[in-house]
C-alpha cells in the first residue's frame, strides 16, 4: 500500500525512545514531521531520529496538507484537546493511552467524523502473545477461563515527572492500571458489570501510588490486579481456566529485539514454554493503524473502546484527575456498571 504520512505532536520521551524508532522501521508508513512549541527542540528531535520536517508549533504541522495521520504522545491532559484539534484539521489520530483523564472528557471524541479514524495506543493488542492469549481463551484450550491476575509495577518518585503530577492526569491507575483493564477486556471480549478498588496515595504528590482492583465480567469471570508506581519493577499476567493456565512473562513492555516467553500449562501435561519470535509491538501498532486508514482492515481500539476503558478507571479511581483528595467513594457511572458492596471492618 502507499505509505501513510505521519506527523508527531511533541518530542515526548515515549515517542522518542520507543514509538518513533519503531515506526521508522516500517515500509508501510513515513514519519515525515515532528512539532514542538519550541522550534529548537523540534529541530533537535528531527535531527536525532532522521525526521525530515520540524515544526515550531502544533498548529503549523496540523495545517500541512500532506500529513495524513498524527501520533499524539503529549501529557494526559492534552490528549483530548490536541486530538480534537487534529481531527478538526482532517487528520487521523493515534493517541497515547489513556486517551483522556475521565470518561466524560473522552466522550468529546464521539464527535469525530466518520471518515476520520481515532484510536487509543494500546500496543499490547498488536503483540502475538496477547493474540495467543485471546485465541486460547476463545478456543477452550484452557477450559472455561474465569480469572485473570495481573501485577504491574515500577519505581518513580520524581515529583516533576508527568506521571507524578496530579494536576495533569498523573498516577498509577491512569498510567499502568489501564493495561490490566484493557488486557482483560481483550481476552474476555466482554465488559465488566462491577468494579472496586483499594487506593493508596502519595501524601505529597497526591497521586495514586498503589492500587488493587477487582472487576466482575459476569459468568464467573474476574480480573484482579495490582499496579504500583513506587514498587520494585515487575510485571506478570496469569490467565486461568478450569483446565489450563497461560502465563505471559513480559506482558506490557515486551522487548522489540528479543523473543518473549509465554507458558502454557494444560491439565495432565507438563508446562510448555513457548518462544514468541521477535516483533516490535509499536511497529505493529502503527502499521495496523495505517492499514485501517487505507481501508484494508478494521480499526483496533477506536473511540468507543477507549471510552469503555475510561468508564472503568473512573469507577475504580474517582480521583484519577486529582479532583478529590482522600479515598475515592464507590459510585455508579452507567446503569450497567455497578460498584460492588464495600464493607468496613473495625
Foldseek 3Di string as FASTA:
>chain_A
DAAAEEEEEDPDPCCLPAQVVLQVVDPNYADAEYEDCQQVRRVVSCVVRVHHYYYNHLLVVLLPVSHAAYEYADFQQCLLVSCVVSLVSVHAYAYEFLSHLFLVSLVVCVPRDPLHFYFYPQLLVLAVLLVVLQVCCVVCQQPPWAEKEKEFEAADDPCVDSLLALQRQHAFCRVPVLVLQVSVCSNVVAAFQAKEKDFDADPPSLHTAKMWMWTHRDPNHIYIYMYGHRDHGAIKMWTHHPFKIKIWRDSRCDDQPAWGWMWIGGHPDDIDIDTHGHHRSSSSLVSQVSCVSVVNDPDPGTSVNSSSSNLNSCQHCVCSNVPDGDDDDGDDDDPRHHYDDDDDDD
